[in-house]
Amino acid sequence: QVHLVESGGGLVQPGGSLRLSCAASGVSLRDYAIGWFRQAAGKEREVVACISNSNERTFYEDYVAGRFTIARDSTKTTAYLQMNDLKFEDTAVYYCAAATDWGPTVVVVTTTYMYWGQGTQVTVSL
């Protein structure tokens, strides 16, 4: 059985930083593209950033570009989302997901991803 587990969420003040991690059991993340999504209360789940299975290609949604960085460790077993200069509007539950497909139009949609974590709460507040 495949499980993705996110960690690293929490409460942070505006301008602060957090690093989210995504680890897998039951599957090797080496073979998958990884996407980070988020869902704020009352809103639809939206893409944040994605990284290809080769680690050579990344994608960032405009609202996080320049502030967030997606990465995977050298063994490709854990994925990360470094979040800097956090804003109130970044408050959401953050999910990691794994997919076998890659492409600019497919990695931004939730239906591309076959495995999902349970999410970790990120709250940006004074």
N, C-alpha and C. Protein backbone atom coordinates (compact mmCIF):
# COMPACT_ATOMS: atom_id res chain seq x y z
N GLN A 1 0.84 -1.18 0.00
CA GLN A 1 0.00 0.00 0.00
C GLN A 1 0.89 1.24 0.00
N VAL A 2 0.50 2.21 -0.79
CA VAL A 2 1.31 3.40 -0.96
C VAL A 2 0.84 4.50 -0.03
N HIS A 3 1.78 5.11 0.66
CA HIS A 3 1.47 6.25 1.50
C HIS A 3 2.47 7.37 1.24
N LEU A 4 1.96 8.58 1.10
CA LEU A 4 2.79 9.77 1.09
C LEU A 4 2.51 10.51 2.38
N VAL A 5 3.54 10.98 3.02
CA VAL A 5 3.38 11.66 4.30
C VAL A 5 4.10 12.99 4.25
N GLU A 6 3.33 14.05 4.45
CA GLU A 6 3.90 15.38 4.53
C GLU A 6 4.22 15.73 5.98
N SER A 7 5.20 16.56 6.15
CA SER A 7 5.54 17.08 7.48
C SER A 7 6.15 18.45 7.31
N GLY A 8 6.26 19.17 8.42
CA GLY A 8 6.92 20.47 8.40
C GLY A 8 6.00 21.67 8.45
N GLY A 9 4.71 21.43 8.42
CA GLY A 9 3.79 22.55 8.51
C GLY A 9 3.79 23.16 9.90
N GLY A 10 3.09 24.28 10.03
CA GLY A 10 3.01 24.94 11.32
C GLY A 10 2.55 26.36 11.21
N LEU A 11 2.73 27.08 12.29
CA LEU A 11 2.34 28.49 12.38
C LEU A 11 3.58 29.35 12.20
N VAL A 12 3.49 30.32 11.33
CA VAL A 12 4.63 31.20 11.07
C VAL A 12 4.11 32.61 10.83
N GLN A 13 4.93 33.60 11.16
CA GLN A 13 4.55 34.98 10.93
C GLN A 13 4.82 35.36 9.47
N PRO A 14 4.14 36.38 9.00
CA PRO A 14 4.42 36.85 7.63
C PRO A 14 5.90 37.17 7.46
N GLY A 15 6.43 36.77 6.31
CA GLY A 15 7.85 36.95 6.05
C GLY A 15 8.71 35.80 6.50
N GLY A 16 8.13 34.88 7.26
CA GLY A 16 8.88 33.73 7.76
C GLY A 16 9.01 32.63 6.73
N SER A 17 9.64 31.54 7.17
CA SER A 17 9.92 30.42 6.28
C SER A 17 9.51 29.10 6.93
N LEU A 18 9.19 28.15 6.08
CA LEU A 18 8.95 26.78 6.49
C LEU A 18 9.48 25.87 5.39
N ARG A 19 9.86 24.67 5.77
CA ARG A 19 10.22 23.65 4.78
C ARG A 19 9.33 22.44 4.99
N LEU A 20 8.59 22.11 3.97
CA LEU A 20 7.75 20.92 3.99
C LEU A 20 8.50 19.75 3.39
N SER A 21 8.25 18.58 3.93
CA SER A 21 8.85 17.36 3.42
C SER A 21 7.75 16.39 3.00
N CYS A 22 8.09 15.55 2.04
CA CYS A 22 7.16 14.53 1.56
C CYS A 22 7.93 13.23 1.44
N ALA A 23 7.57 12.26 2.25
CA ALA A 23 8.22 10.96 2.22
C ALA A 23 7.20 9.91 1.81
N ALA A 24 7.70 8.83 1.22
CA ALA A 24 6.81 7.80 0.71
C ALA A 24 7.12 6.44 1.31
N SER A 25 6.10 5.66 1.47
CA SER A 25 6.26 4.24 1.80
C SER A 25 5.43 3.44 0.81
N GLY A 26 5.96 2.28 0.44
CA GLY A 26 5.24 1.45 -0.50
C GLY A 26 5.53 1.76 -1.95
N VAL A 27 6.28 2.81 -2.19
CA VAL A 27 6.64 3.18 -3.55
C VAL A 27 7.91 4.02 -3.49
N SER A 28 8.70 3.94 -4.54
CA SER A 28 9.89 4.78 -4.60
C SER A 28 9.57 6.05 -5.35
N LEU A 29 9.85 7.19 -4.75
CA LEU A 29 9.57 8.46 -5.41
C LEU A 29 10.49 8.71 -6.60
N ARG A 30 11.52 7.87 -6.77
CA ARG A 30 12.44 8.05 -7.89
C ARG A 30 11.73 8.04 -9.23
N ASP A 31 10.65 7.27 -9.30
CA ASP A 31 9.99 7.06 -10.58
C ASP A 31 8.85 8.02 -10.86
N TYR A 32 8.66 8.98 -9.97
CA TYR A 32 7.48 9.83 -10.06
C TYR A 32 7.84 11.31 -10.10
N ALA A 33 7.04 12.02 -10.84
CA ALA A 33 7.03 13.46 -10.68
C ALA A 33 6.29 13.78 -9.39
N ILE A 34 6.71 14.84 -8.72
CA ILE A 34 6.10 15.23 -7.47
C ILE A 34 5.48 16.60 -7.62
N GLY A 35 4.29 16.71 -7.12
CA GLY A 35 3.62 18.01 -7.11
C GLY A 35 3.25 18.40 -5.69
N TRP A 36 3.36 19.67 -5.42
CA TRP A 36 2.83 20.23 -4.17
C TRP A 36 1.59 21.05 -4.52
N PHE A 37 0.54 20.79 -3.81
CA PHE A 37 -0.72 21.51 -3.98
C PHE A 37 -1.10 22.11 -2.64
N ARG A 38 -2.04 23.02 -2.67
CA ARG A 38 -2.57 23.55 -1.41
C ARG A 38 -4.05 23.82 -1.56
N GLN A 39 -4.71 23.79 -0.42
CA GLN A 39 -6.15 24.05 -0.41
C GLN A 39 -6.48 24.90 0.81
N ALA A 40 -6.89 26.11 0.54
CA ALA A 40 -7.33 27.00 1.61
C ALA A 40 -8.79 26.73 1.93
N ALA A 41 -9.22 27.11 3.10
CA ALA A 41 -10.58 26.88 3.54
C ALA A 41 -11.57 27.50 2.54
N GLY A 42 -12.49 26.71 2.08
CA GLY A 42 -13.52 27.19 1.17
C GLY A 42 -13.08 27.36 -0.27
N LYS A 43 -11.87 26.94 -0.59
CA LYS A 43 -11.35 27.10 -1.95
C LYS A 43 -10.98 25.75 -2.54
N GLU A 44 -10.80 25.75 -3.85
CA GLU A 44 -10.38 24.53 -4.53
C GLU A 44 -8.89 24.29 -4.33
N ARG A 45 -8.52 23.04 -4.47
CA ARG A 45 -7.10 22.69 -4.39
C ARG A 45 -6.38 23.25 -5.61
N GLU A 46 -5.22 23.85 -5.37
CA GLU A 46 -4.48 24.47 -6.46
C GLU A 46 -3.02 24.04 -6.44
N VAL A 47 -2.44 24.04 -7.61
CA VAL A 47 -1.04 23.63 -7.71
C VAL A 47 -0.13 24.73 -7.17
N VAL A 48 0.97 24.32 -6.58
CA VAL A 48 1.97 25.26 -6.08
C VAL A 48 3.27 25.10 -6.87
N ALA A 49 3.80 23.87 -6.90
CA ALA A 49 5.06 23.62 -7.59
C ALA A 49 5.15 22.14 -7.92
N CYS A 50 5.94 21.83 -8.95
CA CYS A 50 6.10 20.44 -9.38
C CYS A 50 7.55 20.21 -9.79
N ILE A 51 7.99 18.96 -9.69
CA ILE A 51 9.32 18.60 -10.12
C ILE A 51 9.24 17.27 -10.85
N SER A 52 9.97 17.17 -11.94
CA SER A 52 9.92 15.95 -12.74
C SER A 52 10.66 14.81 -12.05
N ASN A 53 10.44 13.59 -12.54
CA ASN A 53 11.09 12.45 -11.91
C ASN A 53 12.60 12.49 -12.08
N SER A 54 13.08 13.17 -13.10
CA SER A 54 14.52 13.31 -13.31
C SER A 54 15.13 14.43 -12.49
N ASN A 55 14.30 15.21 -11.82
CA ASN A 55 14.74 16.40 -11.08
C ASN A 55 15.25 17.52 -11.98
N GLU A 56 15.09 17.33 -13.28
CA GLU A 56 15.66 18.33 -14.18
C GLU A 56 14.68 19.44 -14.53
N ARG A 57 13.41 19.21 -14.32
CA ARG A 57 12.42 20.21 -14.69
C ARG A 57 11.54 20.54 -13.51
N THR A 58 11.26 21.82 -13.37
CA THR A 58 10.38 22.27 -12.30
C THR A 58 9.35 23.23 -12.85
N PHE A 59 8.31 23.37 -12.10
CA PHE A 59 7.23 24.29 -12.45
C PHE A 59 6.80 24.99 -11.18
N TYR A 60 6.54 26.29 -11.29
CA TYR A 60 6.03 27.07 -10.17
C TYR A 60 4.84 27.89 -10.63
N GLU A 61 3.81 27.89 -9.82
CA GLU A 61 2.70 28.78 -10.10
C GLU A 61 3.15 30.21 -9.80
N ASP A 62 2.55 31.14 -10.50
CA ASP A 62 3.02 32.54 -10.42
C ASP A 62 3.01 33.09 -8.99
N TYR A 63 2.02 32.66 -8.21
CA TYR A 63 1.87 33.29 -6.90
C TYR A 63 2.93 32.82 -5.89
N VAL A 64 3.76 31.83 -6.24
CA VAL A 64 4.82 31.41 -5.34
C VAL A 64 6.20 31.53 -5.98
N ALA A 65 6.26 31.79 -7.27
CA ALA A 65 7.54 31.86 -7.97
C ALA A 65 8.45 32.90 -7.32
N GLY A 66 9.67 32.52 -7.08
CA GLY A 66 10.63 33.40 -6.43
C GLY A 66 10.62 33.31 -4.92
N ARG A 67 9.60 32.69 -4.36
CA ARG A 67 9.52 32.54 -2.90
C ARG A 67 9.62 31.08 -2.47
N PHE A 68 9.08 30.18 -3.27
CA PHE A 68 9.08 28.76 -2.94
C PHE A 68 10.06 28.02 -3.85
N THR A 69 10.65 26.96 -3.32
CA THR A 69 11.54 26.11 -4.10
C THR A 69 11.20 24.66 -3.86
N ILE A 70 10.99 23.93 -4.94
CA ILE A 70 10.74 22.49 -4.84
C ILE A 70 12.04 21.77 -5.13
N ALA A 71 12.28 20.70 -4.40
CA ALA A 71 13.51 19.95 -4.58
C ALA A 71 13.28 18.52 -4.14
N ARG A 72 14.26 17.68 -4.50
CA ARG A 72 14.21 16.29 -4.07
C ARG A 72 15.63 15.93 -3.69
N ASP A 73 15.78 15.11 -2.67
CA ASP A 73 17.14 14.78 -2.25
C ASP A 73 17.80 13.90 -3.29
N SER A 74 19.11 13.70 -3.15
CA SER A 74 19.90 13.02 -4.18
C SER A 74 19.46 11.58 -4.39
N THR A 75 18.87 10.99 -3.37
CA THR A 75 18.37 9.62 -3.54
C THR A 75 16.96 9.61 -4.11
N LYS A 76 16.37 10.79 -4.24
CA LYS A 76 15.02 10.96 -4.79
C LYS A 76 13.95 10.29 -3.95
N THR A 77 14.23 10.10 -2.67
CA THR A 77 13.24 9.42 -1.84
C THR A 77 12.39 10.37 -1.03
N THR A 78 12.84 11.61 -0.93
CA THR A 78 12.09 12.61 -0.19
C THR A 78 12.04 13.89 -1.01
N ALA A 79 10.87 14.48 -1.06
CA ALA A 79 10.71 15.75 -1.76
C ALA A 79 10.48 16.86 -0.75
N TYR A 80 10.84 18.07 -1.13
CA TYR A 80 10.75 19.19 -0.22
C TYR A 80 10.09 20.38 -0.91
N LEU A 81 9.52 21.22 -0.09
CA LEU A 81 9.04 22.50 -0.56
C LEU A 81 9.53 23.54 0.43
N GLN A 82 10.54 24.30 0.03
CA GLN A 82 11.05 25.39 0.84
C GLN A 82 10.20 26.62 0.57
N MET A 83 9.63 27.15 1.62
CA MET A 83 8.74 28.30 1.48
C MET A 83 9.32 29.48 2.23
N ASN A 84 9.66 30.52 1.51
CA ASN A 84 10.22 31.73 2.10
C ASN A 84 9.27 32.91 1.90
N ASP A 85 9.46 33.93 2.70
CA ASP A 85 8.66 35.15 2.57
C ASP A 85 7.17 34.81 2.55
N LEU A 86 6.75 34.04 3.52
CA LEU A 86 5.36 33.58 3.54
C LEU A 86 4.41 34.75 3.77
N LYS A 87 3.26 34.65 3.16
CA LYS A 87 2.23 35.69 3.21
C LYS A 87 0.96 35.10 3.80
N PHE A 88 0.09 35.99 4.24
CA PHE A 88 -1.18 35.53 4.81
C PHE A 88 -1.90 34.59 3.85
N GLU A 89 -1.85 34.94 2.58
CA GLU A 89 -2.60 34.16 1.58
C GLU A 89 -2.00 32.80 1.29
N ASP A 90 -0.85 32.50 1.89
CA ASP A 90 -0.27 31.16 1.75
C ASP A 90 -0.86 30.18 2.75
N THR A 91 -1.69 30.66 3.64
CA THR A 91 -2.33 29.79 4.62
C THR A 91 -3.21 28.76 3.92
N ALA A 92 -2.95 27.50 4.19
CA ALA A 92 -3.68 26.42 3.53
C ALA A 92 -3.18 25.08 4.07
N VAL A 93 -3.88 24.03 3.69
CA VAL A 93 -3.36 22.68 3.87
C VAL A 93 -2.55 22.36 2.61
N TYR A 94 -1.33 21.92 2.82
CA TYR A 94 -0.43 21.61 1.71
C TYR A 94 -0.32 20.10 1.54
N TYR A 95 -0.44 19.68 0.29
CA TYR A 95 -0.42 18.26 -0.05
C TYR A 95 0.71 17.98 -1.03
N CYS A 96 1.36 16.84 -0.86
CA CYS A 96 2.24 16.36 -1.92
C CYS A 96 1.54 15.22 -2.64
N ALA A 97 1.91 15.06 -3.90
CA ALA A 97 1.29 14.05 -4.73
C ALA A 97 2.31 13.53 -5.73
N ALA A 98 2.10 12.31 -6.19
CA ALA A 98 3.03 11.66 -7.11
C ALA A 98 2.32 11.28 -8.40
N ALA A 99 3.04 11.49 -9.52
CA ALA A 99 2.46 11.21 -10.83
C ALA A 99 3.51 10.60 -11.74
N THR A 100 3.07 9.84 -12.72
CA THR A 100 3.99 9.27 -13.70
C THR A 100 4.09 10.13 -14.95
N ASP A 101 3.19 11.07 -15.10
CA ASP A 101 3.20 11.93 -16.28
C ASP A 101 3.88 13.25 -15.99
N TRP A 102 4.35 13.89 -17.05
CA TRP A 102 4.94 15.22 -16.92
C TRP A 102 4.61 16.01 -18.17
N GLY A 103 4.37 17.26 -17.99
CA GLY A 103 4.09 18.15 -19.10
C GLY A 103 3.46 19.41 -18.54
N PRO A 104 3.63 20.52 -19.19
CA PRO A 104 3.17 21.80 -18.64
C PRO A 104 1.67 21.88 -18.42
N THR A 105 0.92 21.09 -19.15
CA THR A 105 -0.53 21.18 -18.97
C THR A 105 -1.07 20.10 -18.05
N VAL A 106 -0.28 19.05 -17.82
CA VAL A 106 -0.81 17.94 -17.01
C VAL A 106 -0.40 18.04 -15.55
N VAL A 107 0.75 18.61 -15.27
CA VAL A 107 1.22 18.59 -13.88
C VAL A 107 0.46 19.56 -13.00
N VAL A 108 -0.32 20.44 -13.60
CA VAL A 108 -1.03 21.43 -12.80
C VAL A 108 -2.42 20.97 -12.40
N VAL A 109 -2.83 19.81 -12.86
CA VAL A 109 -4.18 19.34 -12.55
C VAL A 109 -4.13 18.17 -11.59
N THR A 110 -5.06 18.14 -10.67
CA THR A 110 -5.03 17.12 -9.61
C THR A 110 -5.24 15.72 -10.16
N THR A 111 -5.96 15.59 -11.24
CA THR A 111 -6.28 14.26 -11.78
C THR A 111 -5.06 13.56 -12.38
N THR A 112 -3.99 14.28 -12.60
CA THR A 112 -2.76 13.67 -13.10
C THR A 112 -2.10 12.80 -12.05
N TYR A 113 -2.35 13.08 -10.81
CA TYR A 113 -1.62 12.46 -9.70
C TYR A 113 -2.34 11.24 -9.15
N MET A 114 -1.57 10.19 -8.96
CA MET A 114 -2.17 8.93 -8.53
C MET A 114 -2.06 8.69 -7.03
N TYR A 115 -1.10 9.33 -6.38
CA TYR A 115 -0.93 9.15 -4.94
C TYR A 115 -0.91 10.52 -4.27
N TRP A 116 -1.55 10.59 -3.11
CA TRP A 116 -1.65 11.84 -2.36
C TRP A 116 -1.33 11.60 -0.90
N GLY A 117 -0.74 12.61 -0.28
CA GLY A 117 -0.57 12.60 1.16
C GLY A 117 -1.81 13.12 1.85
N GLN A 118 -1.76 13.13 3.16
CA GLN A 118 -2.92 13.54 3.95
C GLN A 118 -2.94 15.05 4.19
N GLY A 119 -1.83 15.71 3.90
CA GLY A 119 -1.77 17.16 4.03
C GLY A 119 -1.16 17.62 5.34
N THR A 120 -0.58 18.80 5.29
CA THR A 120 -0.03 19.42 6.48
C THR A 120 -0.46 20.89 6.49
N GLN A 121 -0.88 21.35 7.64
CA GLN A 121 -1.43 22.71 7.74
C GLN A 121 -0.30 23.73 7.83
N VAL A 122 -0.40 24.75 7.02
CA VAL A 122 0.48 25.91 7.10
C VAL A 122 -0.38 27.13 7.40
N THR A 123 -0.08 27.80 8.49
CA THR A 123 -0.83 28.98 8.87
C THR A 123 0.12 30.15 9.01
N VAL A 124 -0.17 31.20 8.26
CA VAL A 124 0.63 32.42 8.32
C VAL A 124 -0.20 33.46 9.05
N SER A 125 0.29 33.87 10.21
CA SER A 125 -0.49 34.76 11.05
C SER A 125 0.43 35.52 11.99
N LEU A 126 -0.06 36.69 12.43
CA LEU A 126 0.71 37.49 13.38
C LEU A 126 0.63 36.88 14.76
